[in-house]
Amino acid sequence: MWRYTNANTGQVVEVPERDAYLDMLPNWTITGSPDDAGEPESSPSNSGQAIPGRPPESANKAVWVAYAVSRGMAEADAKALRKDALIEEFGENSGNDEDEGGDGGQD
C-alpha cells in the first residue's frame, strides 16, 4: 500500500498503487510505500525513506518535495520552492561529478 499525507489537513490515505493525481498535488506527499512495509505504521517521520533515490527531472513537484525532505530540507521550505529550484538544489549536482562552479574538482 502507498500512503499519502496531506500537509494542510494531516489526512492520511492508503492506495494499492501510486496515485498520479496525488503525486502532482503539492500538499500531498508520500509517507509510506511497499518498500517500508516492515516499518511501524505510526511513524510519519519515516516519510523521506519512501523515496530511495533522486527522482527524474520529469517527476512532478510533490515527488521532488518528498525527495528534498528526505535529504533534510524542512517540508515547508521545500513546498515554498518551485520545482526547478528543487531540481537545482537536489538534482544532478547532488550526486554527480558535474560541478557548475569548477571549484573542488581537485583529485
N, C-alpha and C. Protein backbone atom coordinates (compact mmCIF):
# COMPACT_ATOMS: atom_id res chain seq x y z
N MET A 1 0.83 -1.19 0.00
CA MET A 1 0.00 0.00 0.00
C MET A 1 0.88 1.26 0.00
N TRP A 2 0.48 2.22 -0.77
CA TRP A 2 1.13 3.52 -0.78
C TRP A 2 0.35 4.42 0.16
N ARG A 3 1.07 5.14 1.01
CA ARG A 3 0.42 6.03 1.97
C ARG A 3 0.79 7.47 1.62
N TYR A 4 -0.22 8.32 1.52
CA TYR A 4 -0.06 9.74 1.24
C TYR A 4 -0.59 10.53 2.43
N THR A 5 0.09 11.63 2.74
CA THR A 5 -0.34 12.51 3.82
C THR A 5 -0.54 13.92 3.27
N ASN A 6 -1.65 14.53 3.65
CA ASN A 6 -1.95 15.89 3.25
C ASN A 6 -1.31 16.84 4.25
N ALA A 7 -0.44 17.72 3.78
CA ALA A 7 0.27 18.64 4.67
C ALA A 7 -0.66 19.68 5.28
N ASN A 8 -1.75 20.01 4.61
CA ASN A 8 -2.67 21.02 5.13
C ASN A 8 -3.58 20.48 6.22
N THR A 9 -4.08 19.26 6.02
CA THR A 9 -5.09 18.73 6.94
C THR A 9 -4.57 17.60 7.82
N GLY A 10 -3.47 16.99 7.43
CA GLY A 10 -2.96 15.84 8.16
C GLY A 10 -3.66 14.54 7.77
N GLN A 11 -4.60 14.61 6.83
CA GLN A 11 -5.33 13.42 6.39
C GLN A 11 -4.35 12.43 5.76
N VAL A 12 -4.54 11.15 6.07
CA VAL A 12 -3.71 10.08 5.52
C VAL A 12 -4.61 9.16 4.72
N VAL A 13 -4.19 8.84 3.50
CA VAL A 13 -4.91 7.88 2.69
C VAL A 13 -3.95 6.80 2.23
N GLU A 14 -4.47 5.59 2.08
CA GLU A 14 -3.68 4.48 1.58
C GLU A 14 -4.34 3.97 0.30
N VAL A 15 -3.50 3.76 -0.72
CA VAL A 15 -3.98 3.26 -2.00
C VAL A 15 -3.10 2.10 -2.43
N PRO A 16 -3.64 1.16 -3.19
CA PRO A 16 -2.85 -0.02 -3.56
C PRO A 16 -1.71 0.28 -4.53
N GLU A 17 -1.83 1.34 -5.34
CA GLU A 17 -0.80 1.72 -6.30
C GLU A 17 -0.53 3.21 -6.18
N ARG A 18 0.64 3.65 -6.67
CA ARG A 18 0.92 5.08 -6.66
C ARG A 18 -0.16 5.82 -7.42
N ASP A 19 -0.55 6.97 -6.91
CA ASP A 19 -1.63 7.74 -7.49
C ASP A 19 -1.04 8.97 -8.18
N ALA A 20 -1.12 9.01 -9.49
CA ALA A 20 -0.53 10.11 -10.26
C ALA A 20 -1.16 11.45 -9.88
N TYR A 21 -2.44 11.45 -9.57
CA TYR A 21 -3.12 12.69 -9.20
C TYR A 21 -2.58 13.22 -7.87
N LEU A 22 -2.47 12.35 -6.87
CA LEU A 22 -1.93 12.79 -5.58
C LEU A 22 -0.46 13.19 -5.71
N ASP A 23 0.28 12.50 -6.57
CA ASP A 23 1.69 12.83 -6.79
C ASP A 23 1.85 14.26 -7.31
N MET A 24 0.92 14.73 -8.11
CA MET A 24 1.08 16.06 -8.70
C MET A 24 0.61 17.19 -7.78
N LEU A 25 -0.14 16.87 -6.74
CA LEU A 25 -0.63 17.91 -5.84
C LEU A 25 0.45 18.27 -4.82
N PRO A 26 0.77 19.55 -4.69
CA PRO A 26 1.88 19.95 -3.81
C PRO A 26 1.63 19.72 -2.33
N ASN A 27 0.38 19.62 -1.90
CA ASN A 27 0.09 19.44 -0.48
C ASN A 27 0.05 17.97 -0.07
N TRP A 28 0.20 17.03 -1.00
CA TRP A 28 0.22 15.60 -0.68
C TRP A 28 1.62 15.07 -0.87
N THR A 29 2.10 14.31 0.11
CA THR A 29 3.42 13.68 0.00
C THR A 29 3.31 12.20 0.33
N ILE A 30 4.22 11.44 -0.25
CA ILE A 30 4.26 10.01 0.03
C ILE A 30 4.89 9.81 1.40
N THR A 31 4.18 9.14 2.28
CA THR A 31 4.72 8.87 3.61
C THR A 31 4.86 7.39 3.88
N GLY A 32 4.61 6.57 2.88
CA GLY A 32 4.77 5.14 3.04
C GLY A 32 4.66 4.45 1.69
N SER A 33 5.40 3.36 1.52
CA SER A 33 5.38 2.62 0.28
C SER A 33 5.51 1.14 0.57
N PRO A 34 5.34 0.30 -0.45
CA PRO A 34 5.52 -1.13 -0.23
C PRO A 34 6.93 -1.48 0.27
N ASP A 35 7.91 -0.65 -0.03
CA ASP A 35 9.29 -0.90 0.40
C ASP A 35 9.47 -0.80 1.90
N ASP A 36 8.63 0.01 2.58
CA ASP A 36 8.80 0.18 4.02
C ASP A 36 7.73 -0.58 4.81
N ALA A 37 7.25 -1.69 4.25
CA ALA A 37 6.19 -2.46 4.89
C ALA A 37 6.59 -2.99 6.26
N GLY A 38 7.87 -3.21 6.50
CA GLY A 38 8.32 -3.73 7.78
C GLY A 38 8.47 -2.68 8.85
N GLU A 39 8.31 -1.41 8.49
CA GLU A 39 8.47 -0.32 9.45
C GLU A 39 7.15 -0.04 10.15
N PRO A 40 7.19 0.52 11.35
CA PRO A 40 5.96 0.82 12.07
C PRO A 40 5.10 1.83 11.31
N GLU A 41 3.79 1.57 11.25
CA GLU A 41 2.90 2.45 10.52
C GLU A 41 2.68 3.78 11.21
N SER A 42 2.89 3.85 12.51
CA SER A 42 2.63 5.09 13.24
C SER A 42 3.82 6.03 13.22
N SER A 43 4.73 5.86 12.29
CA SER A 43 5.94 6.65 12.26
C SER A 43 5.99 7.56 11.03
N PRO A 44 5.29 8.69 11.05
CA PRO A 44 5.31 9.57 9.89
C PRO A 44 6.67 10.20 9.64
N SER A 45 7.57 10.16 10.60
CA SER A 45 8.90 10.73 10.39
C SER A 45 9.72 9.93 9.40
N ASN A 46 9.24 8.75 9.00
CA ASN A 46 9.93 7.93 8.02
C ASN A 46 9.58 8.34 6.59
N SER A 47 8.92 9.49 6.42
CA SER A 47 8.42 9.87 5.10
C SER A 47 9.51 9.95 4.06
N GLY A 48 10.68 10.42 4.39
CA GLY A 48 11.75 10.53 3.42
C GLY A 48 12.25 9.20 2.95
N GLN A 49 12.08 8.14 3.70
CA GLN A 49 12.61 6.85 3.34
C GLN A 49 11.80 6.19 2.23
N ALA A 50 10.66 6.74 1.86
CA ALA A 50 9.86 6.16 0.80
C ALA A 50 10.44 6.46 -0.57
N ILE A 51 11.29 7.46 -0.67
CA ILE A 51 11.90 7.82 -1.94
C ILE A 51 13.36 7.36 -1.91
N PRO A 52 13.71 6.25 -2.56
CA PRO A 52 15.03 5.67 -2.44
C PRO A 52 16.14 6.46 -3.11
N GLY A 53 15.87 7.13 -4.22
CA GLY A 53 16.93 7.84 -4.93
C GLY A 53 16.41 9.11 -5.56
N ARG A 54 17.31 9.82 -6.23
CA ARG A 54 16.95 11.07 -6.88
C ARG A 54 15.91 10.81 -7.95
N PRO A 55 14.78 11.54 -7.89
CA PRO A 55 13.75 11.33 -8.92
C PRO A 55 14.19 11.93 -10.25
N PRO A 56 13.60 11.48 -11.34
CA PRO A 56 13.92 12.07 -12.63
C PRO A 56 13.40 13.51 -12.69
N GLU A 57 14.01 14.33 -13.52
CA GLU A 57 13.57 15.72 -13.63
C GLU A 57 12.13 15.82 -14.13
N SER A 58 11.64 14.79 -14.79
CA SER A 58 10.26 14.81 -15.29
C SER A 58 9.24 14.51 -14.19
N ALA A 59 9.71 14.08 -13.01
CA ALA A 59 8.79 13.80 -11.90
C ALA A 59 8.11 15.10 -11.47
N ASN A 60 6.92 14.96 -10.90
CA ASN A 60 6.19 16.16 -10.51
C ASN A 60 6.77 16.79 -9.24
N LYS A 61 6.29 17.97 -8.92
CA LYS A 61 6.84 18.71 -7.79
C LYS A 61 6.69 17.97 -6.47
N ALA A 62 5.56 17.29 -6.26
CA ALA A 62 5.34 16.58 -5.00
C ALA A 62 6.43 15.54 -4.75
N VAL A 63 6.86 14.87 -5.80
CA VAL A 63 7.93 13.88 -5.68
C VAL A 63 9.23 14.57 -5.30
N TRP A 64 9.50 15.71 -5.92
CA TRP A 64 10.72 16.46 -5.60
C TRP A 64 10.68 17.01 -4.18
N VAL A 65 9.50 17.45 -3.72
CA VAL A 65 9.35 17.91 -2.34
C VAL A 65 9.67 16.77 -1.38
N ALA A 66 9.10 15.61 -1.65
CA ALA A 66 9.36 14.45 -0.79
C ALA A 66 10.85 14.10 -0.78
N TYR A 67 11.48 14.19 -1.93
CA TYR A 67 12.92 13.89 -2.02
C TYR A 67 13.73 14.92 -1.23
N ALA A 68 13.37 16.19 -1.36
CA ALA A 68 14.08 17.24 -0.63
C ALA A 68 13.94 17.04 0.87
N VAL A 69 12.75 16.67 1.32
CA VAL A 69 12.52 16.40 2.74
C VAL A 69 13.37 15.21 3.19
N SER A 70 13.47 14.19 2.32
CA SER A 70 14.28 13.02 2.68
C SER A 70 15.76 13.37 2.76
N ARG A 71 16.16 14.46 2.10
CA ARG A 71 17.55 14.90 2.12
C ARG A 71 17.81 15.94 3.22
N GLY A 72 16.79 16.20 4.06
CA GLY A 72 17.00 17.06 5.21
C GLY A 72 16.37 18.44 5.16
N MET A 73 15.73 18.79 4.07
CA MET A 73 15.09 20.11 3.98
C MET A 73 13.76 20.07 4.72
N ALA A 74 13.42 21.16 5.37
CA ALA A 74 12.12 21.26 6.04
C ALA A 74 11.02 21.21 4.98
N GLU A 75 9.94 20.50 5.29
CA GLU A 75 8.87 20.33 4.32
C GLU A 75 8.27 21.66 3.88
N ALA A 76 8.08 22.57 4.81
CA ALA A 76 7.51 23.88 4.46
C ALA A 76 8.43 24.63 3.50
N ASP A 77 9.74 24.54 3.73
CA ASP A 77 10.70 25.19 2.83
C ASP A 77 10.67 24.56 1.45
N ALA A 78 10.62 23.24 1.40
CA ALA A 78 10.59 22.53 0.12
C ALA A 78 9.34 22.89 -0.67
N LYS A 79 8.21 22.98 0.00
CA LYS A 79 6.96 23.31 -0.68
C LYS A 79 6.94 24.75 -1.17
N ALA A 80 7.70 25.62 -0.50
CA ALA A 80 7.73 27.02 -0.89
C ALA A 80 8.55 27.25 -2.16
N LEU A 81 9.45 26.31 -2.46
CA LEU A 81 10.28 26.44 -3.66
C LEU A 81 9.55 25.93 -4.89
N ARG A 82 9.94 26.47 -6.05
CA ARG A 82 9.43 25.94 -7.31
C ARG A 82 10.16 24.64 -7.63
N LYS A 83 9.57 23.85 -8.49
CA LYS A 83 10.17 22.56 -8.86
C LYS A 83 11.57 22.75 -9.43
N ASP A 84 11.76 23.74 -10.29
CA ASP A 84 13.09 23.93 -10.88
C ASP A 84 14.13 24.30 -9.82
N ALA A 85 13.72 24.99 -8.77
CA ALA A 85 14.65 25.31 -7.68
C ALA A 85 15.01 24.06 -6.89
N LEU A 86 14.04 23.17 -6.70
CA LEU A 86 14.32 21.91 -6.01
C LEU A 86 15.28 21.05 -6.84
N ILE A 87 15.07 21.04 -8.16
CA ILE A 87 15.96 20.28 -9.04
C ILE A 87 17.37 20.87 -8.99
N GLU A 88 17.45 22.19 -8.97
CA GLU A 88 18.76 22.83 -8.89
C GLU A 88 19.47 22.50 -7.58
N GLU A 89 18.72 22.47 -6.50
CA GLU A 89 19.29 22.20 -5.18
C GLU A 89 19.66 20.73 -4.99
N PHE A 90 18.77 19.83 -5.43
CA PHE A 90 18.95 18.40 -5.15
C PHE A 90 19.09 17.55 -6.40
N GLY A 91 19.18 18.19 -7.55
CA GLY A 91 19.21 17.45 -8.81
C GLY A 91 20.57 16.89 -9.15
N GLU A 92 20.98 17.10 -10.36
CA GLU A 92 22.19 16.48 -10.91
C GLU A 92 23.42 16.65 -10.04
N ASN A 93 23.64 17.83 -9.52
CA ASN A 93 24.89 18.11 -8.80
C ASN A 93 24.95 17.48 -7.43
N SER A 94 23.84 16.97 -6.92
CA SER A 94 23.87 16.40 -5.58
C SER A 94 24.53 15.04 -5.55
N GLY A 95 24.62 14.36 -6.70
CA GLY A 95 25.22 13.03 -6.67
C GLY A 95 26.20 12.78 -7.79
N ASN A 96 26.32 13.71 -8.72
CA ASN A 96 27.20 13.51 -9.87
C ASN A 96 28.47 14.32 -9.72
N ASP A 97 29.43 14.05 -10.61
CA ASP A 97 30.70 14.76 -10.57
C ASP A 97 30.65 16.08 -11.31
N GLU A 98 29.53 16.40 -11.95
CA GLU A 98 29.42 17.67 -12.65
C GLU A 98 29.33 18.79 -11.63
N ASP A 99 30.23 19.79 -11.76
CA ASP A 99 30.02 20.95 -10.90
C ASP A 99 30.07 22.21 -11.70
N GLU A 100 29.10 23.09 -11.37
CA GLU A 100 28.93 24.32 -12.12
C GLU A 100 30.01 25.33 -11.80
N GLY A 101 30.44 25.39 -10.56
CA GLY A 101 31.39 26.42 -10.15
C GLY A 101 32.82 26.10 -10.54
N GLY A 102 33.16 24.87 -10.75
CA GLY A 102 34.51 24.50 -11.10
C GLY A 102 35.42 24.33 -9.90
N ASP A 103 34.94 24.66 -8.70
CA ASP A 103 35.75 24.53 -7.50
C ASP A 103 35.63 23.12 -6.96
N GLY A 104 36.60 22.68 -6.21
CA GLY A 104 36.51 21.41 -5.51
C GLY A 104 36.74 20.20 -6.40
N GLY A 105 37.21 20.39 -7.61
CA GLY A 105 37.43 19.28 -8.51
C GLY A 105 38.84 18.75 -8.46
N GLN A 106 39.56 19.02 -7.40
CA GLN A 106 40.95 18.58 -7.31
C GLN A 106 41.03 17.17 -6.80
N ASP A 107 41.68 16.30 -7.56
CA ASP A 107 41.92 14.92 -7.15
C ASP A 107 43.39 14.65 -7.09
